[in-house]
Amino acid sequence: QVHLVESGGGLVQAGGSLRLSCAASGFSFSTAFMGWFRQAPGKEREFVAAIGWTGVNIVYADSVKGRFAISRDNAKNTMYLQMNSLQPEDTAVYYCNAVQRRGSNWFPNFGSWGQGTQVTVSS
C-alpha cells in the first residue's frame, strides 16, 4: 500500500525559508520519478517540481525556479523541497507523489495522496 507523508510546513514571513520532507513507502521509491505539488485555497492542485531517481533530472515550475530546490535520499525513501525567498503566493498545502511526464506536463502516479503539509507565508 502506497504511503506518502509530508512534513516541514509552517508559518514564515516573506523572504523566509522552509524545508519540506516526503517520506514514501509501499512502492519502489528508488526507481520512481518523484514530485511536489501544491494547492492554494480555491485553486486547483499544481505541479511544483520533479526529480528523477538518480537526482540528476530535475524540473521546476516557472513560478518557483531559482527559489526552490528539490532533492532526494533513496536510502531513506525520502524526498525534500528546500524553499527559499518564500512569497505570499507560495501559500498552499504541499503534497508529494510519484510522477510521470506526458508531453510538457507532469502528473501524479497514485490516486491517493498524503495529508499534505501547510505552508503559510505572511507579507
N, C-alpha and C. Protein backbone atom coordinates (compact mmCIF):
# COMPACT_ATOMS: atom_id res chain seq x y z
N GLN A 1 0.85 -1.19 0.00
CA GLN A 1 0.00 0.00 0.00
C GLN A 1 0.89 1.24 0.00
N VAL A 2 0.60 2.15 -0.92
CA VAL A 2 1.37 3.38 -1.03
C VAL A 2 1.07 4.28 0.17
N HIS A 3 2.16 4.81 0.73
CA HIS A 3 2.02 5.70 1.88
C HIS A 3 2.95 6.88 1.68
N LEU A 4 2.38 8.07 1.69
CA LEU A 4 3.15 9.30 1.49
C LEU A 4 2.88 10.23 2.67
N VAL A 5 3.95 10.68 3.31
CA VAL A 5 3.80 11.54 4.48
C VAL A 5 4.65 12.79 4.29
N GLU A 6 3.97 13.93 4.17
CA GLU A 6 4.65 15.20 4.01
C GLU A 6 4.79 15.88 5.37
N SER A 7 5.88 16.61 5.55
CA SER A 7 6.11 17.33 6.80
C SER A 7 7.03 18.51 6.55
N GLY A 8 7.12 19.39 7.53
CA GLY A 8 8.05 20.51 7.46
C GLY A 8 7.42 21.86 7.17
N GLY A 9 6.12 21.89 6.94
CA GLY A 9 5.47 23.16 6.67
C GLY A 9 5.39 24.03 7.91
N GLY A 10 4.89 25.24 7.71
CA GLY A 10 4.76 26.15 8.83
C GLY A 10 4.42 27.54 8.37
N LEU A 11 4.50 28.47 9.31
CA LEU A 11 4.22 29.88 9.03
C LEU A 11 5.54 30.64 9.00
N VAL A 12 5.79 31.33 7.90
CA VAL A 12 7.01 32.12 7.78
C VAL A 12 6.68 33.48 7.19
N GLN A 13 7.57 34.42 7.40
CA GLN A 13 7.41 35.73 6.77
C GLN A 13 7.96 35.70 5.35
N ALA A 14 7.50 36.60 4.53
CA ALA A 14 8.00 36.71 3.17
C ALA A 14 9.53 36.86 3.20
N GLY A 15 10.18 36.12 2.31
CA GLY A 15 11.63 36.12 2.27
C GLY A 15 12.25 34.99 3.07
N GLY A 16 11.43 34.30 3.86
CA GLY A 16 11.93 33.22 4.69
C GLY A 16 12.09 31.91 3.94
N SER A 17 12.50 30.88 4.69
CA SER A 17 12.76 29.58 4.10
C SER A 17 12.10 28.47 4.91
N LEU A 18 11.81 27.39 4.22
CA LEU A 18 11.31 26.17 4.84
C LEU A 18 11.87 24.98 4.07
N ARG A 19 11.99 23.85 4.76
CA ARG A 19 12.40 22.62 4.09
C ARG A 19 11.34 21.56 4.33
N LEU A 20 10.73 21.11 3.26
CA LEU A 20 9.71 20.08 3.34
C LEU A 20 10.33 18.70 3.13
N SER A 21 9.72 17.72 3.74
CA SER A 21 10.14 16.33 3.57
C SER A 21 8.95 15.48 3.13
N CYS A 22 9.24 14.44 2.37
CA CYS A 22 8.22 13.49 1.94
C CYS A 22 8.77 12.09 2.19
N ALA A 23 8.18 11.40 3.13
CA ALA A 23 8.56 10.02 3.42
C ALA A 23 7.64 9.08 2.66
N ALA A 24 8.22 8.19 1.87
CA ALA A 24 7.42 7.33 0.99
C ALA A 24 7.63 5.86 1.32
N SER A 25 6.60 5.08 1.13
CA SER A 25 6.69 3.63 1.31
C SER A 25 5.61 2.96 0.47
N GLY A 26 5.78 1.64 0.27
CA GLY A 26 4.77 0.88 -0.44
C GLY A 26 4.99 0.77 -1.93
N PHE A 27 6.08 1.33 -2.43
CA PHE A 27 6.41 1.22 -3.85
C PHE A 27 7.92 1.36 -3.98
N SER A 28 8.42 1.17 -5.19
CA SER A 28 9.85 1.23 -5.41
C SER A 28 10.30 2.68 -5.54
N PHE A 29 10.55 3.32 -4.41
CA PHE A 29 10.90 4.74 -4.39
C PHE A 29 12.16 5.02 -5.21
N SER A 30 13.16 4.17 -5.08
CA SER A 30 14.46 4.45 -5.69
C SER A 30 14.43 4.43 -7.22
N THR A 31 13.36 3.88 -7.81
CA THR A 31 13.26 3.85 -9.27
C THR A 31 12.11 4.71 -9.78
N ALA A 32 11.57 5.52 -8.93
CA ALA A 32 10.43 6.35 -9.30
C ALA A 32 10.83 7.81 -9.46
N PHE A 33 10.30 8.44 -10.51
CA PHE A 33 10.35 9.89 -10.55
C PHE A 33 9.41 10.38 -9.45
N MET A 34 9.87 11.36 -8.71
CA MET A 34 9.05 11.90 -7.61
C MET A 34 8.82 13.38 -7.83
N GLY A 35 7.73 13.87 -7.28
CA GLY A 35 7.43 15.28 -7.48
C GLY A 35 6.66 15.91 -6.34
N TRP A 36 6.66 17.21 -6.35
CA TRP A 36 5.89 18.02 -5.38
C TRP A 36 4.79 18.76 -6.14
N PHE A 37 3.65 18.84 -5.50
CA PHE A 37 2.52 19.61 -5.98
C PHE A 37 2.06 20.52 -4.85
N ARG A 38 1.27 21.52 -5.17
CA ARG A 38 0.70 22.37 -4.13
C ARG A 38 -0.70 22.81 -4.54
N GLN A 39 -1.50 23.08 -3.52
CA GLN A 39 -2.86 23.52 -3.75
C GLN A 39 -3.17 24.68 -2.84
N ALA A 40 -3.39 25.83 -3.43
CA ALA A 40 -3.76 27.03 -2.70
C ALA A 40 -5.28 27.07 -2.53
N PRO A 41 -5.75 27.80 -1.53
CA PRO A 41 -7.20 27.88 -1.30
C PRO A 41 -7.94 28.35 -2.55
N GLY A 42 -8.96 27.59 -2.93
CA GLY A 42 -9.78 27.97 -4.07
C GLY A 42 -9.16 27.71 -5.42
N LYS A 43 -8.00 27.06 -5.44
CA LYS A 43 -7.32 26.80 -6.70
C LYS A 43 -7.10 25.30 -6.89
N GLU A 44 -6.82 24.91 -8.12
CA GLU A 44 -6.52 23.53 -8.41
C GLU A 44 -5.09 23.20 -7.96
N ARG A 45 -4.88 21.91 -7.73
CA ARG A 45 -3.54 21.46 -7.38
C ARG A 45 -2.62 21.68 -8.58
N GLU A 46 -1.40 22.18 -8.33
CA GLU A 46 -0.49 22.46 -9.41
C GLU A 46 0.88 21.83 -9.16
N PHE A 47 1.55 21.53 -10.25
CA PHE A 47 2.88 20.95 -10.21
C PHE A 47 3.90 21.98 -9.73
N VAL A 48 4.84 21.53 -8.90
CA VAL A 48 5.88 22.42 -8.39
C VAL A 48 7.26 21.98 -8.90
N ALA A 49 7.59 20.71 -8.71
CA ALA A 49 8.93 20.25 -9.09
C ALA A 49 8.95 18.73 -9.18
N ALA A 50 9.89 18.20 -9.97
CA ALA A 50 10.05 16.76 -10.10
C ALA A 50 11.53 16.41 -10.13
N ILE A 51 11.84 15.19 -9.71
CA ILE A 51 13.23 14.74 -9.68
C ILE A 51 13.30 13.28 -10.10
N GLY A 52 14.26 12.95 -10.96
CA GLY A 52 14.46 11.58 -11.40
C GLY A 52 15.09 10.73 -10.31
N TRP A 53 15.15 9.41 -10.57
CA TRP A 53 15.58 8.52 -9.49
C TRP A 53 17.05 8.70 -9.12
N THR A 54 17.87 9.20 -10.05
CA THR A 54 19.27 9.43 -9.71
C THR A 54 19.50 10.81 -9.10
N GLY A 55 18.51 11.66 -9.17
CA GLY A 55 18.66 13.02 -8.67
C GLY A 55 19.26 13.98 -9.68
N VAL A 56 19.54 13.49 -10.87
CA VAL A 56 20.15 14.34 -11.88
C VAL A 56 19.10 15.10 -12.68
N ASN A 57 18.05 14.40 -13.08
CA ASN A 57 16.99 15.04 -13.87
C ASN A 57 16.04 15.77 -12.94
N ILE A 58 15.99 17.08 -13.06
CA ILE A 58 15.17 17.92 -12.20
C ILE A 58 14.42 18.94 -13.05
N VAL A 59 13.16 19.14 -12.71
CA VAL A 59 12.31 20.10 -13.41
C VAL A 59 11.57 20.94 -12.38
N TYR A 60 11.45 22.23 -12.65
CA TYR A 60 10.71 23.14 -11.77
C TYR A 60 9.64 23.88 -12.55
N ALA A 61 8.55 24.18 -11.86
CA ALA A 61 7.59 25.12 -12.41
C ALA A 61 8.26 26.49 -12.49
N ASP A 62 7.87 27.27 -13.48
CA ASP A 62 8.49 28.59 -13.64
C ASP A 62 8.32 29.45 -12.39
N SER A 63 7.22 29.27 -11.70
CA SER A 63 6.92 30.12 -10.55
C SER A 63 7.88 29.91 -9.37
N VAL A 64 8.60 28.79 -9.35
CA VAL A 64 9.49 28.51 -8.22
C VAL A 64 10.95 28.38 -8.64
N LYS A 65 11.19 28.46 -9.93
CA LYS A 65 12.55 28.28 -10.44
C LYS A 65 13.48 29.33 -9.84
N GLY A 66 14.64 28.88 -9.36
CA GLY A 66 15.61 29.77 -8.76
C GLY A 66 15.40 30.01 -7.28
N ARG A 67 14.25 29.58 -6.75
CA ARG A 67 13.97 29.77 -5.32
C ARG A 67 13.85 28.44 -4.57
N PHE A 68 13.34 27.43 -5.24
CA PHE A 68 13.13 26.11 -4.62
C PHE A 68 14.17 25.13 -5.15
N ALA A 69 14.52 24.15 -4.31
CA ALA A 69 15.46 23.09 -4.71
C ALA A 69 14.92 21.74 -4.26
N ILE A 70 14.73 20.84 -5.20
CA ILE A 70 14.23 19.51 -4.89
C ILE A 70 15.41 18.55 -4.79
N SER A 71 15.32 17.61 -3.88
CA SER A 71 16.38 16.61 -3.72
C SER A 71 15.77 15.33 -3.16
N ARG A 72 16.57 14.27 -3.11
CA ARG A 72 16.05 13.01 -2.59
C ARG A 72 17.18 12.20 -1.97
N ASP A 73 16.80 11.31 -1.07
CA ASP A 73 17.72 10.37 -0.44
C ASP A 73 17.10 8.99 -0.59
N ASN A 74 17.56 8.24 -1.58
CA ASN A 74 16.95 6.93 -1.85
C ASN A 74 17.17 5.95 -0.71
N ALA A 75 18.25 6.11 0.04
CA ALA A 75 18.49 5.21 1.17
C ALA A 75 17.45 5.39 2.26
N LYS A 76 16.86 6.58 2.32
CA LYS A 76 15.85 6.87 3.34
C LYS A 76 14.44 6.93 2.77
N ASN A 77 14.30 6.63 1.47
CA ASN A 77 12.98 6.73 0.82
C ASN A 77 12.33 8.09 1.11
N THR A 78 13.12 9.13 1.01
CA THR A 78 12.64 10.46 1.36
C THR A 78 13.04 11.48 0.30
N MET A 79 12.12 12.38 0.04
CA MET A 79 12.35 13.48 -0.90
C MET A 79 12.22 14.79 -0.13
N TYR A 80 12.90 15.80 -0.62
CA TYR A 80 12.90 17.09 0.08
C TYR A 80 12.57 18.23 -0.88
N LEU A 81 12.12 19.33 -0.31
CA LEU A 81 11.94 20.56 -1.07
C LEU A 81 12.42 21.71 -0.21
N GLN A 82 13.57 22.27 -0.58
CA GLN A 82 14.09 23.45 0.10
C GLN A 82 13.47 24.67 -0.56
N MET A 83 12.77 25.45 0.21
CA MET A 83 12.06 26.62 -0.32
C MET A 83 12.67 27.87 0.27
N ASN A 84 13.24 28.69 -0.58
CA ASN A 84 13.85 29.95 -0.16
C ASN A 84 13.11 31.12 -0.77
N SER A 85 13.36 32.29 -0.23
CA SER A 85 12.71 33.52 -0.74
C SER A 85 11.21 33.32 -0.89
N LEU A 86 10.60 32.77 0.11
CA LEU A 86 9.16 32.48 0.04
C LEU A 86 8.35 33.76 -0.07
N GLN A 87 7.28 33.67 -0.83
CA GLN A 87 6.39 34.79 -1.06
C GLN A 87 4.97 34.40 -0.68
N PRO A 88 4.10 35.36 -0.40
CA PRO A 88 2.73 35.03 -0.03
C PRO A 88 2.03 34.14 -1.04
N GLU A 89 2.37 34.26 -2.30
CA GLU A 89 1.73 33.42 -3.32
C GLU A 89 2.18 31.97 -3.26
N ASP A 90 3.17 31.67 -2.44
CA ASP A 90 3.58 30.28 -2.21
C ASP A 90 2.71 29.60 -1.16
N THR A 91 1.84 30.35 -0.52
CA THR A 91 0.96 29.78 0.49
C THR A 91 0.07 28.71 -0.12
N ALA A 92 0.14 27.51 0.44
CA ALA A 92 -0.60 26.37 -0.11
C ALA A 92 -0.36 25.15 0.77
N VAL A 93 -1.13 24.12 0.52
CA VAL A 93 -0.82 22.81 1.07
C VAL A 93 0.05 22.10 0.05
N TYR A 94 1.19 21.57 0.51
CA TYR A 94 2.15 20.93 -0.38
C TYR A 94 2.04 19.41 -0.24
N TYR A 95 2.02 18.74 -1.38
CA TYR A 95 1.87 17.29 -1.45
C TYR A 95 3.00 16.68 -2.27
N CYS A 96 3.29 15.42 -2.00
CA CYS A 96 4.26 14.71 -2.83
C CYS A 96 3.58 13.49 -3.45
N ASN A 97 4.18 12.99 -4.52
CA ASN A 97 3.65 11.82 -5.20
C ASN A 97 4.71 11.33 -6.17
N ALA A 98 4.64 10.09 -6.58
CA ALA A 98 5.43 9.66 -7.73
C ALA A 98 4.80 10.33 -8.94
N VAL A 99 5.60 10.61 -9.96
CA VAL A 99 5.09 11.38 -11.08
C VAL A 99 5.50 10.75 -12.40
N GLN A 100 4.78 11.16 -13.44
CA GLN A 100 5.13 10.79 -14.80
C GLN A 100 4.88 11.98 -15.70
N ARG A 101 5.68 12.04 -16.76
CA ARG A 101 5.56 13.16 -17.66
C ARG A 101 4.78 12.75 -18.91
N ARG A 102 3.85 13.60 -19.27
CA ARG A 102 3.10 13.40 -20.52
C ARG A 102 3.14 14.72 -21.27
N GLY A 103 3.86 14.72 -22.36
CA GLY A 103 4.05 15.97 -23.07
C GLY A 103 4.89 16.90 -22.23
N SER A 104 4.40 18.09 -22.02
CA SER A 104 5.14 19.06 -21.22
C SER A 104 4.63 19.15 -19.79
N ASN A 105 3.71 18.26 -19.45
CA ASN A 105 3.11 18.32 -18.12
C ASN A 105 3.46 17.10 -17.28
N TRP A 106 3.40 17.28 -15.98
CA TRP A 106 3.68 16.22 -15.02
C TRP A 106 2.41 15.86 -14.27
N PHE A 107 2.23 14.56 -14.07
CA PHE A 107 1.02 14.07 -13.44
C PHE A 107 1.37 13.10 -12.32
N PRO A 108 0.53 13.03 -11.29
CA PRO A 108 0.78 12.09 -10.20
C PRO A 108 0.50 10.66 -10.64
N ASN A 109 1.31 9.73 -10.12
CA ASN A 109 1.11 8.31 -10.43
C ASN A 109 -0.01 7.70 -9.61
N PHE A 110 -0.10 8.13 -8.37
CA PHE A 110 -1.03 7.49 -7.45
C PHE A 110 -2.25 8.36 -7.21
N GLY A 111 -3.40 7.72 -7.19
CA GLY A 111 -4.63 8.46 -6.96
C GLY A 111 -4.80 8.92 -5.53
N SER A 112 -4.14 8.21 -4.61
CA SER A 112 -4.27 8.61 -3.20
C SER A 112 -3.11 9.53 -2.85
N TRP A 113 -3.41 10.50 -2.01
CA TRP A 113 -2.44 11.49 -1.59
C TRP A 113 -2.23 11.41 -0.07
N GLY A 114 -1.12 11.95 0.38
CA GLY A 114 -0.91 12.10 1.81
C GLY A 114 -1.76 13.25 2.33
N GLN A 115 -1.54 13.58 3.59
CA GLN A 115 -2.33 14.65 4.19
C GLN A 115 -1.82 16.03 3.78
N GLY A 116 -0.63 16.07 3.22
CA GLY A 116 -0.05 17.35 2.83
C GLY A 116 0.53 18.08 4.03
N THR A 117 1.27 19.14 3.74
CA THR A 117 1.82 19.99 4.79
C THR A 117 1.55 21.44 4.43
N GLN A 118 1.00 22.18 5.38
CA GLN A 118 0.58 23.55 5.12
C GLN A 118 1.77 24.50 5.19
N VAL A 119 1.90 25.31 4.16
CA VAL A 119 2.89 26.38 4.13
C VAL A 119 2.13 27.70 4.04
N THR A 120 2.39 28.57 4.99
CA THR A 120 1.74 29.88 5.01
C THR A 120 2.82 30.96 5.06
N VAL A 121 2.78 31.85 4.10
CA VAL A 121 3.77 32.92 4.02
C VAL A 121 3.07 34.25 4.24
N SER A 122 3.46 34.96 5.27
CA SER A 122 2.84 36.24 5.58
C SER A 122 3.64 37.37 4.94
N SER A 123 2.93 38.42 4.56
CA SER A 123 3.60 39.56 3.91
C SER A 123 4.10 40.57 4.92
